[in-house]
Amino acid sequence: MPHRMVTDHERGVSVEQNSHGPASIFEFTPDMSVGIMSIDADHMAFFELAKLIAEIPNDENRNSIVLSSLAILDEYVDGHFLREEKAMRKVNYPHLAGHHLKHNQFRARIRAIGDVYREGTLSAVDDLHSLVVQWLRGHIATEDNRYKNWLTSSVVDDRPLVYLAIEAEDFKN
């Protein structure tokens, strides 16, 4: 299946688009860009993780892959949300409290799914990939688009997510 690389030069974001029709639900499209490379890269990673979760084989390795995916998703959620919220604090973003609440609600849903799965309800993760994609698409289109005119790359902590996830863990303790 042929693909072409579409580059949004103004924002410095590259996204792969299928040339035979609409993008897959797992693809980050240029209209989702917030104009900040590190945040857009996080969003792209979420879509890739959702795709990985959707493609987990139903074999003897499934449980370990699901558990690893849940751990990665948890770290990505913590790191990415901290990245956005730290930048919003720096610019006194007026909608930070509401944005933070939406982040916490999503974080709680993801953690609840993980808890239910670990307690033995294996079907708890059956629609996890859809939840991640649908929530992310809606959140970017509404909440993240609201901060586009407030945030610039200079106020965003662009360290790799793993460092931000560790920092987010320190805030909890």
C-alpha atoms as a PDB file:
ATOM      1  CA  MET A   1       0.000   0.000   0.000  1.00  0.00           C
ATOM      2  CA  PRO A   2       1.730   3.230  -1.128  1.00  0.00           C
ATOM      3  CA  HIS A   3       2.245   5.995   1.404  1.00  0.00           C
ATOM      4  CA  ARG A   4       3.534   9.491   1.059  1.00  0.00           C
ATOM      5  CA  MET A   5       5.108  11.690   3.696  1.00  0.00           C
ATOM      6  CA  VAL A   6       3.211  14.918   4.297  1.00  0.00           C
ATOM      7  CA  THR A   7       5.257  17.576   6.061  1.00  0.00           C
ATOM      8  CA  ASP A   8       3.791  20.571   7.827  1.00  0.00           C
ATOM      9  CA  HIS A   9       6.795  22.871   7.332  1.00  0.00           C
ATOM     10  CA  GLU A  10       5.396  25.647   9.474  1.00  0.00           C
ATOM     11  CA  ARG A  11       5.211  23.344  12.480  1.00  0.00           C
ATOM     12  CA  GLY A  12       8.004  20.925  11.623  1.00  0.00           C
ATOM     13  CA  VAL A  13       5.783  17.871  11.981  1.00  0.00           C
ATOM     14  CA  SER A  14       5.830  14.899   9.626  1.00  0.00           C
ATOM     15  CA  VAL A  15       2.950  12.494   9.369  1.00  0.00           C
ATOM     16  CA  GLU A  16       2.456   9.464   7.210  1.00  0.00           C
ATOM     17  CA  GLN A  17      -0.781   9.533   5.233  1.00  0.00           C
ATOM     18  CA  ASN A  18      -2.235   6.672   3.252  1.00  0.00           C
ATOM     19  CA  SER A  19      -2.607   7.832  -0.355  1.00  0.00           C
ATOM     20  CA  HIS A  20      -5.533   5.471  -0.980  1.00  0.00           C
ATOM     21  CA  GLY A  21      -8.098   7.167   1.213  1.00  0.00           C
ATOM     22  CA  PRO A  22      -8.702   8.532   4.671  1.00  0.00           C
ATOM     23  CA  ALA A  23      -6.071   8.121   7.329  1.00  0.00           C
ATOM     24  CA  SER A  24      -6.285   5.171   9.688  1.00  0.00           C
ATOM     25  CA  ILE A  25      -7.819   5.909  13.071  1.00  0.00           C
ATOM     26  CA  PHE A  26      -4.309   5.463  14.477  1.00  0.00           C
ATOM     27  CA  GLU A  27      -2.711   8.147  12.339  1.00  0.00           C
ATOM     28  CA  PHE A  28      -1.866  11.604  13.558  1.00  0.00           C
ATOM     29  CA  THR A  29      -2.938  14.035  10.851  1.00  0.00           C
ATOM     30  CA  PRO A  30      -1.655  17.579  10.270  1.00  0.00           C
ATOM     31  CA  ASP A  31      -4.918  19.135  11.480  1.00  0.00           C
ATOM     32  CA  MET A  32      -4.183  17.691  14.937  1.00  0.00           C
ATOM     33  CA  SER A  33      -0.923  19.591  15.306  1.00  0.00           C
ATOM     34  CA  VAL A  34      -0.736  22.144  18.106  1.00  0.00           C
ATOM     35  CA  GLY A  35       2.394  23.637  16.577  1.00  0.00           C
ATOM     36  CA  ILE A  36       4.825  22.417  19.225  1.00  0.00           C
ATOM     37  CA  MET A  37       6.998  19.508  18.151  1.00  0.00           C
ATOM     38  CA  SER A  38       7.385  17.828  21.540  1.00  0.00           C
ATOM     39  CA  ILE A  39       3.636  17.887  22.228  1.00  0.00           C
ATOM     40  CA  ASP A  40       2.810  16.717  18.710  1.00  0.00           C
ATOM     41  CA  ALA A  41       5.390  13.931  19.084  1.00  0.00           C
ATOM     42  CA  ASP A  42       3.690  12.849  22.320  1.00  0.00           C
ATOM     43  CA  HIS A  43       0.337  12.768  20.553  1.00  0.00           C
ATOM     44  CA  MET A  44       1.832  10.702  17.716  1.00  0.00           C
ATOM     45  CA  ALA A  45       3.250   8.268  20.267  1.00  0.00           C
ATOM     46  CA  PHE A  46      -0.185   7.847  21.851  1.00  0.00           C
ATOM     47  CA  PHE A  47      -1.639   6.897  18.475  1.00  0.00           C
ATOM     48  CA  GLU A  48       1.191   4.409  17.904  1.00  0.00           C
ATOM     49  CA  LEU A  49       0.628   2.914  21.351  1.00  0.00           C
ATOM     50  CA  ALA A  50      -3.113   2.579  20.673  1.00  0.00           C
ATOM     51  CA  LYS A  51      -2.282   0.801  17.407  1.00  0.00           C
ATOM     52  CA  LEU A  52       0.079  -1.553  19.231  1.00  0.00           C
ATOM     53  CA  ILE A  53      -2.640  -2.318  21.791  1.00  0.00           C
ATOM     54  CA  ALA A  54      -5.158  -3.011  19.027  1.00  0.00           C
ATOM     55  CA  GLU A  55      -2.742  -5.458  17.389  1.00  0.00           C
ATOM     56  CA  ILE A  56      -1.820  -7.473  20.479  1.00  0.00           C
ATOM     57  CA  PRO A  57      -2.006 -11.111  19.409  1.00  0.00           C
ATOM     58  CA  ASN A  58      -4.289 -13.466  21.261  1.00  0.00           C
ATOM     59  CA  ASP A  59      -1.591 -15.977  22.174  1.00  0.00           C
ATOM     60  CA  GLU A  60       0.514 -17.067  25.149  1.00  0.00           C
ATOM     61  CA  ASN A  61       2.318 -13.697  25.211  1.00  0.00           C
ATOM     62  CA  ARG A  62      -0.853 -11.604  25.341  1.00  0.00           C
ATOM     63  CA  ASN A  63      -0.897 -11.006  29.095  1.00  0.00           C
ATOM     64  CA  SER A  64       2.693  -9.787  29.313  1.00  0.00           C
ATOM     65  CA  ILE A  65       2.221  -7.534  26.280  1.00  0.00           C
ATOM     66  CA  VAL A  66      -1.003  -6.093  27.705  1.00  0.00           C
ATOM     67  CA  LEU A  67       0.638  -5.433  31.068  1.00  0.00           C
ATOM     68  CA  SER A  68       3.627  -3.782  29.394  1.00  0.00           C
ATOM     69  CA  SER A  69       1.325  -1.673  27.218  1.00  0.00           C
ATOM     70  CA  LEU A  70      -0.659  -0.551  30.258  1.00  0.00           C
ATOM     71  CA  ALA A  71       2.560   0.440  32.049  1.00  0.00           C
ATOM     72  CA  ILE A  72       3.779   2.376  29.014  1.00  0.00           C
ATOM     73  CA  LEU A  73       0.411   4.077  28.594  1.00  0.00           C
ATOM     74  CA  ASP A  74       0.418   5.051  32.255  1.00  0.00           C
ATOM     75  CA  GLU A  75       3.893   6.599  31.926  1.00  0.00           C
ATOM     76  CA  TYR A  76       2.967   8.399  28.710  1.00  0.00           C
ATOM     77  CA  VAL A  77      -0.171   9.813  30.301  1.00  0.00           C
ATOM     78  CA  ASP A  78       1.744  11.084  33.321  1.00  0.00           C
ATOM     79  CA  GLY A  79       4.645  12.515  31.313  1.00  0.00           C
ATOM     80  CA  HIS A  80       2.602  14.124  28.570  1.00  0.00           C
ATOM     81  CA  PHE A  81       0.053  15.649  30.905  1.00  0.00           C
ATOM     82  CA  LEU A  82       2.843  17.084  33.043  1.00  0.00           C
ATOM     83  CA  ARG A  83       4.523  18.514  29.914  1.00  0.00           C
ATOM     84  CA  GLU A  84       1.351  20.363  28.910  1.00  0.00           C
ATOM     85  CA  GLU A  85       0.403  21.507  32.390  1.00  0.00           C
ATOM     86  CA  LYS A  86       3.881  22.829  33.249  1.00  0.00           C
ATOM     87  CA  ALA A  87       3.809  24.942  30.082  1.00  0.00           C
ATOM     88  CA  MET A  88       0.306  26.191  30.876  1.00  0.00           C
ATOM     89  CA  ARG A  89       1.419  27.211  34.370  1.00  0.00           C
ATOM     90  CA  LYS A  90       4.347  29.177  32.919  1.00  0.00           C
ATOM     91  CA  VAL A  91       2.020  31.324  30.807  1.00  0.00           C
ATOM     92  CA  ASN A  92      -0.802  31.556  33.366  1.00  0.00           C
ATOM     93  CA  TYR A  93      -3.143  29.761  30.987  1.00  0.00           C
ATOM     94  CA  PRO A  94      -6.670  30.652  32.151  1.00  0.00           C
ATOM     95  CA  HIS A  95      -8.172  27.231  31.365  1.00  0.00           C
ATOM     96  CA  LEU A  96      -5.527  25.178  33.184  1.00  0.00           C
ATOM     97  CA  ALA A  97      -7.849  23.965  35.960  1.00  0.00           C
ATOM     98  CA  GLY A  98     -10.389  22.566  33.493  1.00  0.00           C
ATOM     99  CA  HIS A  99      -7.669  21.051  31.322  1.00  0.00           C
ATOM    100  CA  HIS A 100      -6.077  19.447  34.385  1.00  0.00           C
ATOM    101  CA  LEU A 101      -9.467  18.010  35.413  1.00  0.00           C
ATOM    102  CA  LYS A 102      -9.939  16.413  31.992  1.00  0.00           C
ATOM    103  CA  HIS A 103      -6.431  14.963  32.194  1.00  0.00           C
ATOM    104  CA  ASN A 104      -7.186  13.507  35.633  1.00  0.00           C
ATOM    105  CA  GLN A 105     -10.470  12.002  34.446  1.00  0.00           C
ATOM    106  CA  PHE A 106      -8.746  10.255  31.545  1.00  0.00           C
ATOM    107  CA  ARG A 107      -5.880   9.119  33.770  1.00  0.00           C
ATOM    108  CA  ALA A 108      -8.408   7.623  36.202  1.00  0.00           C
ATOM    109  CA  ARG A 109     -10.206   5.768  33.387  1.00  0.00           C
ATOM    110  CA  ILE A 110      -6.952   4.276  32.105  1.00  0.00           C
ATOM    111  CA  ARG A 111      -5.863   3.236  35.592  1.00  0.00           C
ATOM    112  CA  ALA A 112      -9.276   1.730  36.360  1.00  0.00           C
ATOM    113  CA  ILE A 113      -9.109  -0.358  33.177  1.00  0.00           C
ATOM    114  CA  GLY A 114      -5.642  -1.545  34.170  1.00  0.00           C
ATOM    115  CA  ASP A 115      -6.796  -2.411  37.684  1.00  0.00           C
ATOM    116  CA  VAL A 116      -9.788  -4.382  36.422  1.00  0.00           C
ATOM    117  CA  TYR A 117      -7.572  -6.224  33.932  1.00  0.00           C
ATOM    118  CA  ARG A 118      -4.997  -7.092  36.592  1.00  0.00           C
ATOM    119  CA  GLU A 119      -7.815  -8.384  38.838  1.00  0.00           C
ATOM    120  CA  GLY A 120      -8.655 -10.955  36.163  1.00  0.00           C
ATOM    121  CA  THR A 121     -11.209  -9.370  33.836  1.00  0.00           C
ATOM    122  CA  LEU A 122      -9.185  -9.827  30.668  1.00  0.00           C
ATOM    123  CA  SER A 123     -11.873  -8.262  28.474  1.00  0.00           C
ATOM    124  CA  ALA A 124     -11.343  -4.921  30.270  1.00  0.00           C
ATOM    125  CA  VAL A 125      -8.739  -3.959  27.662  1.00  0.00           C
ATOM    126  CA  ASP A 126     -10.713  -5.061  24.592  1.00  0.00           C
ATOM    127  CA  ASP A 127     -11.680  -1.497  23.662  1.00  0.00           C
ATOM    128  CA  LEU A 128      -8.721   0.300  25.224  1.00  0.00           C
ATOM    129  CA  HIS A 129      -7.252   1.244  21.851  1.00  0.00           C
ATOM    130  CA  SER A 130     -10.558   2.836  20.802  1.00  0.00           C
ATOM    131  CA  LEU A 131     -10.841   4.715  24.079  1.00  0.00           C
ATOM    132  CA  VAL A 132      -7.330   6.151  23.700  1.00  0.00           C
ATOM    133  CA  VAL A 133      -7.884   7.194  20.077  1.00  0.00           C
ATOM    134  CA  GLN A 134     -11.352   8.669  20.614  1.00  0.00           C
ATOM    135  CA  TRP A 135     -10.368  10.539  23.755  1.00  0.00           C
ATOM    136  CA  LEU A 136      -7.161  11.859  22.201  1.00  0.00           C
ATOM    137  CA  ARG A 137      -8.858  13.025  19.004  1.00  0.00           C
ATOM    138  CA  GLY A 138     -11.573  14.815  20.969  1.00  0.00           C
ATOM    139  CA  HIS A 139      -9.156  16.272  23.504  1.00  0.00           C
ATOM    140  CA  ILE A 140      -6.799  17.635  20.849  1.00  0.00           C
ATOM    141  CA  ALA A 141      -9.663  19.097  18.818  1.00  0.00           C
ATOM    142  CA  THR A 142     -11.218  20.890  21.767  1.00  0.00           C
ATOM    143  CA  GLU A 143      -8.950  21.335  24.774  1.00  0.00           C
ATOM    144  CA  ASP A 144      -5.497  21.365  23.170  1.00  0.00           C
ATOM    145  CA  ASN A 145      -6.582  23.650  20.350  1.00  0.00           C
ATOM    146  CA  ARG A 146      -7.554  26.214  22.988  1.00  0.00           C
ATOM    147  CA  TYR A 147      -3.948  26.615  24.133  1.00  0.00           C
ATOM    148  CA  LYS A 148      -2.436  26.917  20.650  1.00  0.00           C
ATOM    149  CA  ASN A 149      -2.270  30.708  20.882  1.00  0.00           C
ATOM    150  CA  TRP A 150      -0.882  30.628  24.420  1.00  0.00           C
ATOM    151  CA  LEU A 151       1.977  28.138  24.277  1.00  0.00           C
ATOM    152  CA  THR A 152       5.210  28.282  22.331  1.00  0.00           C
ATOM    153  CA  SER A 153       8.064  25.804  22.163  1.00  0.00           C
ATOM    154  CA  SER A 154      10.100  28.016  24.492  1.00  0.00           C
ATOM    155  CA  VAL A 155       7.752  27.375  27.455  1.00  0.00           C
ATOM    156  CA  VAL A 156       7.438  23.618  26.877  1.00  0.00           C
ATOM    157  CA  ASP A 157       9.740  21.147  28.622  1.00  0.00           C
ATOM    158  CA  ASP A 158      10.944  19.129  25.650  1.00  0.00           C
ATOM    159  CA  ARG A 159      12.770  16.410  27.560  1.00  0.00           C
ATOM    160  CA  PRO A 160      11.859  12.820  26.623  1.00  0.00           C
ATOM    161  CA  LEU A 161       8.628  11.612  28.204  1.00  0.00           C
ATOM    162  CA  VAL A 162      10.409   9.150  30.454  1.00  0.00           C
ATOM    163  CA  TYR A 163      11.981  12.045  32.400  1.00  0.00           C
ATOM    164  CA  LEU A 164       8.655  13.788  32.735  1.00  0.00           C
ATOM    165  CA  ALA A 165       6.982  10.555  33.843  1.00  0.00           C
ATOM    166  CA  ILE A 166       9.610  10.221  36.589  1.00  0.00           C
ATOM    167  CA  GLU A 167       9.021  13.833  37.598  1.00  0.00           C
ATOM    168  CA  ALA A 168       5.254  13.247  37.621  1.00  0.00           C
ATOM    169  CA  GLU A 169       5.800  10.243  39.894  1.00  0.00           C
ATOM    170  CA  ASP A 170       7.764  12.473  42.279  1.00  0.00           C
ATOM    171  CA  PHE A 171       4.774  14.856  42.471  1.00  0.00           C
ATOM    172  CA  LYS A 172       2.562  11.965  43.620  1.00  0.00           C
ATOM    173  CA  ASN A 173       4.893  11.001  46.454  1.00  0.00           C
END
